[in-house]
Amino acid sequence: MSATAPPPREVLPWNRFGDATRELAQMVADSGWLPELVVAVARGGLVPAGSVAYALGVKAMGTMNVEFYTDVEQTLAEPQVLPPLLDTSVLAGAKVLVVDDVADSGRTLEMVMRLLRTGSPTPGGPASQHLPAQARSAVLYTKPRSVIEPDYTWRRTDRWISFPWSALPPVTAGPDAANARNTEA
């Protein structure tokens, strides 16, 4: 019996990441629309958002914590906004650029954009009186199956993407850490 080969992956290494985010930022700048605030969709959008904000010269940043993917190709039933919550009332009248790593299914980005534009994460939910005048989205990658078309996309792919910040498993305490804790007690 032969083992099943893993599906092909799109790999974005660290040495290409800087160029990718500057090119994405250049797309935003070339459109003539410049944000006053960059909102990162955490966790995957944290690193790209910081890089895009620096490239655009935007100092104001916020974070929208959203959980949807639990593993490769495994998701929750719906994206969930997690605390701490971004106070969207302070965004009234602002030009906001939402940055994420990928619009895969697009459901996370769709929910965040709806929340920023209407004040409700669900369709038909109660609207807020404090909404940004404009909200646009930028992602490194968009997949063909995405339910939303981001305003700015660096690349398109149908492959699973290995990003440099999530390519390796989380670190765990090694045996020296356990020994250090035992000697401190």
N, C-alpha and C. Protein backbone atom coordinates (compact mmCIF):
# COMPACT_ATOMS: atom_id res chain seq x y z
N MET A 1 0.83 -1.18 0.00
CA MET A 1 0.00 0.00 0.00
C MET A 1 0.87 1.24 0.00
N SER A 2 0.45 2.23 -0.74
CA SER A 2 1.19 3.48 -0.76
C SER A 2 0.45 4.52 0.06
N ALA A 3 1.20 5.35 0.73
CA ALA A 3 0.60 6.41 1.54
C ALA A 3 0.07 7.49 0.60
N THR A 4 -0.98 8.12 1.02
CA THR A 4 -1.55 9.21 0.23
C THR A 4 -0.64 10.42 0.36
N ALA A 5 -0.28 10.99 -0.78
CA ALA A 5 0.58 12.17 -0.77
C ALA A 5 -0.20 13.36 -0.25
N PRO A 6 0.46 14.22 0.53
CA PRO A 6 -0.24 15.41 1.02
C PRO A 6 -0.60 16.31 -0.17
N PRO A 7 -1.68 17.05 -0.04
CA PRO A 7 -2.07 17.94 -1.14
C PRO A 7 -1.00 19.00 -1.37
N PRO A 8 -0.87 19.47 -2.61
CA PRO A 8 0.12 20.52 -2.87
C PRO A 8 -0.21 21.79 -2.09
N ARG A 9 0.83 22.48 -1.67
CA ARG A 9 0.65 23.68 -0.86
C ARG A 9 1.28 24.89 -1.55
N GLU A 10 0.69 26.01 -1.28
CA GLU A 10 1.27 27.29 -1.65
C GLU A 10 2.13 27.69 -0.45
N VAL A 11 3.39 27.99 -0.67
CA VAL A 11 4.29 28.32 0.43
C VAL A 11 4.75 29.77 0.29
N LEU A 12 4.51 30.55 1.34
CA LEU A 12 5.01 31.92 1.40
C LEU A 12 6.12 31.96 2.45
N PRO A 13 7.38 31.97 2.02
CA PRO A 13 8.48 32.00 3.00
C PRO A 13 8.73 33.42 3.52
N TRP A 14 9.41 33.52 4.66
CA TRP A 14 9.72 34.82 5.25
C TRP A 14 10.42 35.72 4.25
N ASN A 15 11.34 35.16 3.44
CA ASN A 15 12.11 36.01 2.53
C ASN A 15 11.27 36.57 1.38
N ARG A 16 10.04 36.14 1.21
CA ARG A 16 9.13 36.68 0.20
C ARG A 16 8.01 37.50 0.85
N PHE A 17 7.80 37.33 2.15
CA PHE A 17 6.72 37.98 2.86
C PHE A 17 6.78 39.51 2.77
N GLY A 18 7.94 40.09 2.99
CA GLY A 18 8.09 41.55 2.94
C GLY A 18 7.69 42.13 1.59
N ASP A 19 8.14 41.47 0.52
CA ASP A 19 7.76 41.92 -0.83
C ASP A 19 6.26 41.79 -1.03
N ALA A 20 5.68 40.69 -0.55
CA ALA A 20 4.24 40.45 -0.73
C ALA A 20 3.42 41.54 -0.06
N THR A 21 3.76 41.90 1.17
CA THR A 21 2.97 42.90 1.88
C THR A 21 3.20 44.30 1.32
N ARG A 22 4.41 44.59 0.85
CA ARG A 22 4.64 45.91 0.22
C ARG A 22 3.88 46.01 -1.09
N GLU A 23 3.83 44.91 -1.85
CA GLU A 23 3.07 44.91 -3.10
C GLU A 23 1.58 45.08 -2.82
N LEU A 24 1.08 44.44 -1.77
CA LEU A 24 -0.32 44.59 -1.38
C LEU A 24 -0.59 46.05 -0.96
N ALA A 25 0.30 46.62 -0.17
CA ALA A 25 0.16 48.02 0.25
C ALA A 25 0.21 48.95 -0.97
N GLN A 26 1.04 48.63 -1.93
CA GLN A 26 1.14 49.45 -3.14
C GLN A 26 -0.17 49.45 -3.91
N MET A 27 -0.86 48.29 -3.93
CA MET A 27 -2.18 48.22 -4.57
C MET A 27 -3.15 49.19 -3.92
N VAL A 28 -3.12 49.23 -2.59
CA VAL A 28 -4.00 50.14 -1.86
C VAL A 28 -3.63 51.58 -2.20
N ALA A 29 -2.35 51.91 -2.13
CA ALA A 29 -1.91 53.28 -2.42
C ALA A 29 -2.26 53.68 -3.86
N ASP A 30 -2.04 52.77 -4.80
CA ASP A 30 -2.33 53.07 -6.20
C ASP A 30 -3.81 53.30 -6.47
N SER A 31 -4.67 52.77 -5.60
CA SER A 31 -6.11 52.97 -5.78
C SER A 31 -6.54 54.39 -5.41
N GLY A 32 -5.65 55.11 -4.72
CA GLY A 32 -5.98 56.46 -4.30
C GLY A 32 -6.75 56.52 -3.00
N TRP A 33 -7.08 55.37 -2.44
CA TRP A 33 -7.83 55.30 -1.18
C TRP A 33 -6.84 54.95 -0.08
N LEU A 34 -6.64 55.85 0.86
CA LEU A 34 -5.70 55.59 1.94
C LEU A 34 -6.43 55.52 3.28
N PRO A 35 -6.23 54.44 4.00
CA PRO A 35 -6.94 54.27 5.28
C PRO A 35 -6.35 55.14 6.38
N GLU A 36 -7.20 55.41 7.37
CA GLU A 36 -6.77 56.11 8.57
C GLU A 36 -6.44 55.11 9.67
N LEU A 37 -6.97 53.90 9.52
CA LEU A 37 -6.82 52.86 10.52
C LEU A 37 -6.74 51.50 9.82
N VAL A 38 -5.86 50.64 10.30
CA VAL A 38 -5.76 49.27 9.82
C VAL A 38 -6.26 48.35 10.92
N VAL A 39 -7.17 47.45 10.57
CA VAL A 39 -7.69 46.46 11.51
C VAL A 39 -7.20 45.09 11.07
N ALA A 40 -6.50 44.41 11.95
CA ALA A 40 -6.00 43.06 11.69
C ALA A 40 -7.04 42.05 12.11
N VAL A 41 -7.25 41.03 11.29
CA VAL A 41 -8.09 39.91 11.68
C VAL A 41 -7.15 38.88 12.31
N ALA A 42 -7.26 38.73 13.63
CA ALA A 42 -6.36 37.85 14.36
C ALA A 42 -6.86 36.42 14.33
N ARG A 43 -5.93 35.51 14.22
CA ARG A 43 -4.52 35.67 14.38
C ARG A 43 -3.79 35.81 13.04
N GLY A 44 -4.25 35.16 12.01
CA GLY A 44 -3.52 35.14 10.74
C GLY A 44 -3.23 36.48 10.13
N GLY A 45 -4.07 37.47 10.38
CA GLY A 45 -3.87 38.78 9.78
C GLY A 45 -3.00 39.72 10.58
N LEU A 46 -2.55 39.30 11.78
CA LEU A 46 -1.76 40.20 12.62
C LEU A 46 -0.45 40.63 11.95
N VAL A 47 0.32 39.68 11.50
CA VAL A 47 1.63 39.99 10.91
C VAL A 47 1.47 40.75 9.59
N PRO A 48 0.61 40.29 8.67
CA PRO A 48 0.41 41.07 7.45
C PRO A 48 -0.13 42.48 7.71
N ALA A 49 -1.05 42.64 8.65
CA ALA A 49 -1.62 43.96 8.93
C ALA A 49 -0.57 44.93 9.43
N GLY A 50 0.29 44.48 10.32
CA GLY A 50 1.36 45.35 10.82
C GLY A 50 2.28 45.78 9.70
N SER A 51 2.62 44.85 8.84
CA SER A 51 3.51 45.15 7.72
C SER A 51 2.86 46.10 6.72
N VAL A 52 1.59 45.88 6.40
CA VAL A 52 0.86 46.76 5.48
C VAL A 52 0.71 48.15 6.10
N ALA A 53 0.41 48.23 7.39
CA ALA A 53 0.27 49.52 8.05
C ALA A 53 1.58 50.30 7.98
N TYR A 54 2.70 49.65 8.25
CA TYR A 54 3.99 50.32 8.14
C TYR A 54 4.23 50.80 6.71
N ALA A 55 3.95 49.94 5.74
CA ALA A 55 4.18 50.30 4.33
C ALA A 55 3.33 51.49 3.90
N LEU A 56 2.12 51.60 4.45
CA LEU A 56 1.24 52.72 4.10
C LEU A 56 1.45 53.95 4.99
N GLY A 57 2.27 53.81 6.03
CA GLY A 57 2.49 54.92 6.94
C GLY A 57 1.33 55.16 7.88
N VAL A 58 0.52 54.14 8.13
CA VAL A 58 -0.64 54.25 9.02
C VAL A 58 -0.23 53.78 10.42
N LYS A 59 -0.40 54.65 11.40
CA LYS A 59 0.00 54.30 12.77
C LYS A 59 -1.13 53.72 13.59
N ALA A 60 -2.38 54.08 13.29
CA ALA A 60 -3.51 53.60 14.08
C ALA A 60 -3.89 52.18 13.64
N MET A 61 -3.93 51.28 14.62
CA MET A 61 -4.26 49.88 14.33
C MET A 61 -5.21 49.34 15.39
N GLY A 62 -6.01 48.38 14.97
CA GLY A 62 -6.89 47.65 15.87
C GLY A 62 -6.87 46.18 15.50
N THR A 63 -7.50 45.37 16.33
CA THR A 63 -7.53 43.93 16.10
C THR A 63 -8.93 43.40 16.31
N MET A 64 -9.35 42.56 15.39
CA MET A 64 -10.63 41.84 15.51
C MET A 64 -10.24 40.38 15.68
N ASN A 65 -10.51 39.83 16.86
CA ASN A 65 -10.17 38.44 17.15
C ASN A 65 -11.29 37.53 16.69
N VAL A 66 -10.99 36.66 15.73
CA VAL A 66 -12.00 35.78 15.17
C VAL A 66 -11.44 34.37 15.10
N GLU A 67 -12.25 33.40 15.52
CA GLU A 67 -11.89 32.00 15.39
C GLU A 67 -12.84 31.36 14.40
N PHE A 68 -12.25 30.65 13.41
CA PHE A 68 -13.06 29.90 12.46
C PHE A 68 -12.37 28.58 12.13
N TYR A 69 -11.12 28.65 11.67
CA TYR A 69 -10.38 27.42 11.36
C TYR A 69 -9.82 26.82 12.63
N THR A 70 -10.06 25.51 12.80
CA THR A 70 -9.54 24.81 13.96
C THR A 70 -8.37 23.90 13.59
N ASP A 71 -8.22 23.60 12.29
CA ASP A 71 -7.13 22.78 11.76
C ASP A 71 -7.18 22.90 10.24
N VAL A 72 -6.29 22.21 9.55
CA VAL A 72 -6.28 22.23 8.09
C VAL A 72 -7.64 21.74 7.59
N GLU A 73 -8.32 22.60 6.83
CA GLU A 73 -9.62 22.28 6.24
C GLU A 73 -10.71 21.97 7.27
N GLN A 74 -10.52 22.32 8.55
CA GLN A 74 -11.54 22.09 9.58
C GLN A 74 -11.95 23.42 10.20
N THR A 75 -13.26 23.66 10.25
CA THR A 75 -13.76 24.92 10.76
C THR A 75 -14.86 24.71 11.79
N LEU A 76 -15.16 25.78 12.51
CA LEU A 76 -16.35 25.81 13.34
C LEU A 76 -17.55 25.97 12.40
N ALA A 77 -18.75 25.85 12.91
CA ALA A 77 -19.94 26.04 12.08
C ALA A 77 -20.01 27.47 11.55
N GLU A 78 -19.65 28.44 12.36
CA GLU A 78 -19.67 29.86 11.99
C GLU A 78 -18.45 30.54 12.61
N PRO A 79 -17.92 31.59 11.98
CA PRO A 79 -16.85 32.36 12.62
C PRO A 79 -17.35 32.96 13.93
N GLN A 80 -16.48 32.99 14.93
CA GLN A 80 -16.83 33.50 16.25
C GLN A 80 -15.90 34.66 16.62
N VAL A 81 -16.47 35.81 16.96
CA VAL A 81 -15.68 36.94 17.46
C VAL A 81 -15.31 36.63 18.90
N LEU A 82 -14.03 36.77 19.22
CA LEU A 82 -13.52 36.47 20.56
C LEU A 82 -13.09 37.74 21.27
N PRO A 83 -13.15 37.75 22.60
CA PRO A 83 -12.64 38.90 23.34
C PRO A 83 -11.11 38.93 23.26
N PRO A 84 -10.52 40.09 23.45
CA PRO A 84 -11.15 41.38 23.69
C PRO A 84 -11.77 41.93 22.40
N LEU A 85 -12.90 42.60 22.56
CA LEU A 85 -13.64 43.11 21.42
C LEU A 85 -13.14 44.49 21.01
N LEU A 86 -13.09 44.72 19.72
CA LEU A 86 -12.74 46.03 19.19
C LEU A 86 -13.94 46.96 19.38
N ASP A 87 -13.71 48.12 19.95
CA ASP A 87 -14.78 49.09 20.16
C ASP A 87 -15.06 49.78 18.83
N THR A 88 -16.04 49.28 18.08
CA THR A 88 -16.33 49.83 16.75
C THR A 88 -16.94 51.22 16.83
N SER A 89 -17.41 51.65 18.00
CA SER A 89 -17.98 52.99 18.10
C SER A 89 -16.92 54.07 17.85
N VAL A 90 -15.66 53.77 18.09
CA VAL A 90 -14.59 54.75 17.86
C VAL A 90 -14.22 54.85 16.39
N LEU A 91 -14.80 54.00 15.55
CA LEU A 91 -14.49 54.00 14.13
C LEU A 91 -15.41 54.90 13.30
N ALA A 92 -16.35 55.57 13.96
CA ALA A 92 -17.32 56.40 13.25
C ALA A 92 -16.62 57.40 12.34
N GLY A 93 -16.95 57.34 11.06
CA GLY A 93 -16.39 58.26 10.08
C GLY A 93 -15.00 57.92 9.59
N ALA A 94 -14.40 56.86 10.08
CA ALA A 94 -13.03 56.51 9.71
C ALA A 94 -12.97 55.69 8.42
N LYS A 95 -11.83 55.81 7.74
CA LYS A 95 -11.52 54.96 6.59
C LYS A 95 -10.71 53.79 7.14
N VAL A 96 -11.29 52.60 7.11
CA VAL A 96 -10.71 51.43 7.77
C VAL A 96 -10.31 50.39 6.73
N LEU A 97 -9.07 49.92 6.82
CA LEU A 97 -8.60 48.82 5.98
C LEU A 97 -8.49 47.57 6.85
N VAL A 98 -9.26 46.55 6.52
CA VAL A 98 -9.23 45.27 7.22
C VAL A 98 -8.23 44.37 6.50
N VAL A 99 -7.26 43.83 7.25
CA VAL A 99 -6.23 42.98 6.65
C VAL A 99 -6.27 41.59 7.26
N ASP A 100 -6.25 40.58 6.39
CA ASP A 100 -6.17 39.19 6.82
C ASP A 100 -5.17 38.47 5.93
N ASP A 101 -4.79 37.27 6.35
CA ASP A 101 -3.83 36.52 5.55
C ASP A 101 -4.47 35.92 4.30
N VAL A 102 -5.70 35.38 4.44
CA VAL A 102 -6.33 34.70 3.30
C VAL A 102 -7.86 34.80 3.39
N ALA A 103 -8.47 34.96 2.22
CA ALA A 103 -9.92 34.79 2.11
C ALA A 103 -10.09 33.39 1.54
N ASP A 104 -10.19 32.40 2.42
CA ASP A 104 -10.30 31.00 2.01
C ASP A 104 -11.76 30.72 1.67
N SER A 105 -12.57 30.43 2.66
CA SER A 105 -14.00 30.35 2.40
C SER A 105 -14.55 31.77 2.28
N GLY A 106 -13.84 32.72 2.90
CA GLY A 106 -14.26 34.11 2.90
C GLY A 106 -15.25 34.44 4.00
N ARG A 107 -15.66 33.44 4.75
CA ARG A 107 -16.70 33.67 5.75
C ARG A 107 -16.23 34.54 6.91
N THR A 108 -14.98 34.41 7.31
CA THR A 108 -14.46 35.26 8.38
C THR A 108 -14.41 36.71 7.91
N LEU A 109 -13.83 36.94 6.75
CA LEU A 109 -13.72 38.30 6.23
C LEU A 109 -15.09 38.90 5.97
N GLU A 110 -16.01 38.12 5.46
CA GLU A 110 -17.37 38.60 5.23
C GLU A 110 -18.01 39.04 6.54
N MET A 111 -17.83 38.25 7.60
CA MET A 111 -18.42 38.58 8.89
C MET A 111 -17.79 39.85 9.47
N VAL A 112 -16.46 39.99 9.37
CA VAL A 112 -15.79 41.17 9.89
C VAL A 112 -16.22 42.42 9.12
N MET A 113 -16.29 42.31 7.80
CA MET A 113 -16.70 43.47 7.00
C MET A 113 -18.15 43.86 7.32
N ARG A 114 -19.01 42.89 7.50
CA ARG A 114 -20.41 43.17 7.86
C ARG A 114 -20.47 43.86 9.23
N LEU A 115 -19.68 43.37 10.16
CA LEU A 115 -19.65 43.96 11.50
C LEU A 115 -19.19 45.42 11.45
N LEU A 116 -18.16 45.69 10.65
CA LEU A 116 -17.66 47.06 10.57
C LEU A 116 -18.60 47.98 9.79
N ARG A 117 -19.32 47.42 8.83
CA ARG A 117 -20.21 48.25 8.01
C ARG A 117 -21.60 48.44 8.62
N THR A 118 -22.07 47.45 9.39
CA THR A 118 -23.43 47.53 9.92
C THR A 118 -23.48 47.50 11.44
N GLY A 119 -22.42 47.06 12.07
CA GLY A 119 -22.42 46.94 13.52
C GLY A 119 -22.93 45.60 14.01
N SER A 120 -23.30 44.71 13.09
CA SER A 120 -23.81 43.40 13.47
C SER A 120 -23.04 42.31 12.73
N PRO A 121 -22.58 41.25 13.44
CA PRO A 121 -21.86 40.17 12.77
C PRO A 121 -22.77 39.25 11.96
N THR A 122 -24.09 39.35 12.15
CA THR A 122 -25.00 38.46 11.44
C THR A 122 -25.88 39.26 10.48
N PRO A 123 -26.23 38.66 9.33
CA PRO A 123 -27.11 39.37 8.39
C PRO A 123 -28.44 39.71 9.05
N GLY A 124 -28.89 40.93 8.87
CA GLY A 124 -30.17 41.35 9.43
C GLY A 124 -30.14 41.64 10.91
N GLY A 125 -28.94 41.55 11.53
CA GLY A 125 -28.83 41.83 12.96
C GLY A 125 -28.98 43.31 13.24
N PRO A 126 -29.05 43.70 14.52
CA PRO A 126 -29.23 45.11 14.85
C PRO A 126 -28.04 45.94 14.38
N ALA A 127 -28.30 47.07 13.77
CA ALA A 127 -27.25 47.94 13.26
C ALA A 127 -26.78 48.91 14.34
N SER A 128 -25.55 49.35 14.17
CA SER A 128 -24.97 50.33 15.09
C SER A 128 -25.11 51.72 14.48
N GLN A 129 -25.15 52.72 15.35
CA GLN A 129 -25.16 54.10 14.87
C GLN A 129 -23.75 54.61 14.65
N HIS A 130 -22.74 53.88 15.09
CA HIS A 130 -21.34 54.31 15.02
C HIS A 130 -20.60 53.43 14.03
N LEU A 131 -20.63 53.80 12.76
CA LEU A 131 -20.00 52.98 11.74
C LEU A 131 -18.96 53.77 10.96
N PRO A 132 -17.92 53.11 10.48
CA PRO A 132 -16.94 53.82 9.65
C PRO A 132 -17.59 54.26 8.34
N ALA A 133 -17.14 55.38 7.82
CA ALA A 133 -17.67 55.86 6.56
C ALA A 133 -17.29 54.89 5.44
N GLN A 134 -16.11 54.32 5.54
CA GLN A 134 -15.63 53.41 4.50
C GLN A 134 -14.84 52.28 5.15
N ALA A 135 -15.05 51.07 4.67
CA ALA A 135 -14.24 49.92 5.11
C ALA A 135 -13.90 49.11 3.87
N ARG A 136 -12.63 48.83 3.70
CA ARG A 136 -12.16 47.99 2.59
C ARG A 136 -11.31 46.87 3.16
N SER A 137 -11.09 45.85 2.32
CA SER A 137 -10.36 44.67 2.78
C SER A 137 -9.16 44.38 1.89
N ALA A 138 -8.11 43.86 2.52
CA ALA A 138 -6.89 43.47 1.80
C ALA A 138 -6.40 42.14 2.37
N VAL A 139 -6.08 41.21 1.49
CA VAL A 139 -5.57 39.90 1.90
C VAL A 139 -4.37 39.53 1.04
N LEU A 140 -3.52 38.69 1.60
CA LEU A 140 -2.42 38.18 0.80
C LEU A 140 -2.94 37.23 -0.28
N TYR A 141 -3.84 36.34 0.10
CA TYR A 141 -4.35 35.33 -0.83
C TYR A 141 -5.87 35.30 -0.83
N THR A 142 -6.44 35.07 -2.01
CA THR A 142 -7.87 34.80 -2.15
C THR A 142 -8.02 33.48 -2.88
N LYS A 143 -8.92 32.66 -2.37
CA LYS A 143 -9.21 31.38 -3.03
C LYS A 143 -10.47 31.50 -3.86
N PRO A 144 -10.58 30.68 -4.92
CA PRO A 144 -11.74 30.78 -5.81
C PRO A 144 -13.08 30.56 -5.11
N ARG A 145 -13.09 29.81 -4.02
CA ARG A 145 -14.36 29.51 -3.34
C ARG A 145 -14.79 30.58 -2.35
N SER A 146 -14.03 31.63 -2.19
CA SER A 146 -14.36 32.67 -1.22
C SER A 146 -15.72 33.28 -1.53
N VAL A 147 -16.53 33.48 -0.48
CA VAL A 147 -17.86 34.06 -0.64
C VAL A 147 -17.80 35.59 -0.74
N ILE A 148 -16.61 36.15 -0.55
CA ILE A 148 -16.43 37.60 -0.64
C ILE A 148 -15.21 37.88 -1.51
N GLU A 149 -15.29 38.94 -2.28
CA GLU A 149 -14.15 39.36 -3.09
C GLU A 149 -13.48 40.52 -2.36
N PRO A 150 -12.27 40.29 -1.80
CA PRO A 150 -11.59 41.38 -1.11
C PRO A 150 -11.30 42.53 -2.09
N ASP A 151 -11.19 43.73 -1.54
CA ASP A 151 -10.88 44.89 -2.38
C ASP A 151 -9.48 44.82 -2.96
N TYR A 152 -8.55 44.22 -2.20
CA TYR A 152 -7.16 44.10 -2.64
C TYR A 152 -6.67 42.70 -2.32
N THR A 153 -6.08 42.04 -3.33
CA THR A 153 -5.54 40.69 -3.17
C THR A 153 -4.17 40.63 -3.82
N TRP A 154 -3.19 40.09 -3.09
CA TRP A 154 -1.85 39.96 -3.64
C TRP A 154 -1.77 38.79 -4.61
N ARG A 155 -2.29 37.61 -4.24
CA ARG A 155 -2.24 36.42 -5.09
C ARG A 155 -3.52 35.61 -4.95
N ARG A 156 -3.79 34.79 -5.95
CA ARG A 156 -4.93 33.87 -5.93
C ARG A 156 -4.40 32.45 -6.02
N THR A 157 -5.02 31.55 -5.26
CA THR A 157 -4.62 30.14 -5.28
C THR A 157 -5.79 29.29 -4.83
N ASP A 158 -5.76 28.02 -5.22
CA ASP A 158 -6.75 27.08 -4.71
C ASP A 158 -6.10 26.08 -3.76
N ARG A 159 -4.83 26.29 -3.45
CA ARG A 159 -4.07 25.39 -2.56
C ARG A 159 -4.15 25.84 -1.10
N TRP A 160 -3.88 24.88 -0.19
CA TRP A 160 -3.70 25.23 1.21
C TRP A 160 -2.41 26.02 1.30
N ILE A 161 -2.38 27.07 2.12
CA ILE A 161 -1.23 27.96 2.16
C ILE A 161 -0.44 27.76 3.44
N SER A 162 0.88 27.66 3.30
CA SER A 162 1.78 27.61 4.45
C SER A 162 2.37 29.00 4.62
N PHE A 163 1.95 29.68 5.69
CA PHE A 163 2.48 31.00 6.00
C PHE A 163 3.68 30.82 6.92
N PRO A 164 4.66 31.71 6.87
CA PRO A 164 5.86 31.52 7.70
C PRO A 164 5.57 31.57 9.20
N TRP A 165 4.56 32.30 9.62
CA TRP A 165 4.26 32.41 11.05
C TRP A 165 3.45 31.24 11.58
N SER A 166 2.92 30.40 10.71
CA SER A 166 2.13 29.27 11.19
C SER A 166 2.56 27.94 10.60
N ALA A 167 3.72 27.91 9.95
CA ALA A 167 4.18 26.68 9.29
C ALA A 167 4.65 25.62 10.28
N LEU A 168 5.11 26.04 11.43
CA LEU A 168 5.62 25.10 12.43
C LEU A 168 4.62 24.96 13.56
N PRO A 169 4.62 23.82 14.26
CA PRO A 169 3.71 23.65 15.40
C PRO A 169 4.09 24.59 16.53
N PRO A 170 3.16 24.86 17.43
CA PRO A 170 3.48 25.72 18.58
C PRO A 170 4.62 25.14 19.40
N VAL A 171 5.40 26.03 19.99
CA VAL A 171 6.49 25.58 20.85
C VAL A 171 5.91 25.10 22.17
N THR A 172 6.59 24.19 22.79
CA THR A 172 6.21 23.70 24.10
C THR A 172 7.43 23.77 25.01
N ALA A 173 7.19 23.76 26.28
CA ALA A 173 8.29 23.79 27.24
C ALA A 173 9.10 22.51 27.12
N GLY A 174 10.41 22.68 27.06
CA GLY A 174 11.30 21.53 26.98
C GLY A 174 11.61 20.97 28.35
N PRO A 175 12.39 19.89 28.40
CA PRO A 175 12.69 19.25 29.69
C PRO A 175 13.46 20.18 30.65
N ASP A 176 14.27 21.11 30.11
CA ASP A 176 15.00 22.04 30.98
C ASP A 176 14.04 22.96 31.72
N ALA A 177 12.92 23.33 31.10
CA ALA A 177 11.94 24.20 31.75
C ALA A 177 11.29 23.47 32.93
N ALA A 178 10.99 22.18 32.75
CA ALA A 178 10.38 21.40 33.84
C ALA A 178 11.37 21.29 35.00
N ASN A 179 12.65 21.08 34.70
CA ASN A 179 13.67 20.98 35.74
C ASN A 179 13.82 22.32 36.47
N ALA A 180 13.75 23.43 35.73
CA ALA A 180 13.87 24.75 36.34
C ALA A 180 12.71 25.02 37.27
N ARG A 181 11.50 24.62 36.89
CA ARG A 181 10.34 24.82 37.76
C ARG A 181 10.49 23.99 39.04
N ASN A 182 11.01 22.78 38.93
CA ASN A 182 11.16 21.93 40.11
C ASN A 182 12.21 22.48 41.07
N THR A 183 13.26 23.13 40.56
CA THR A 183 14.30 23.65 41.46
C THR A 183 13.87 24.96 42.10
N GLU A 184 12.89 25.66 41.50
CA GLU A 184 12.41 26.91 42.07
C GLU A 184 11.47 26.67 43.26
N ALA A 185 10.86 25.51 43.32
CA ALA A 185 9.85 25.25 44.36
C ALA A 185 10.44 25.02 45.71
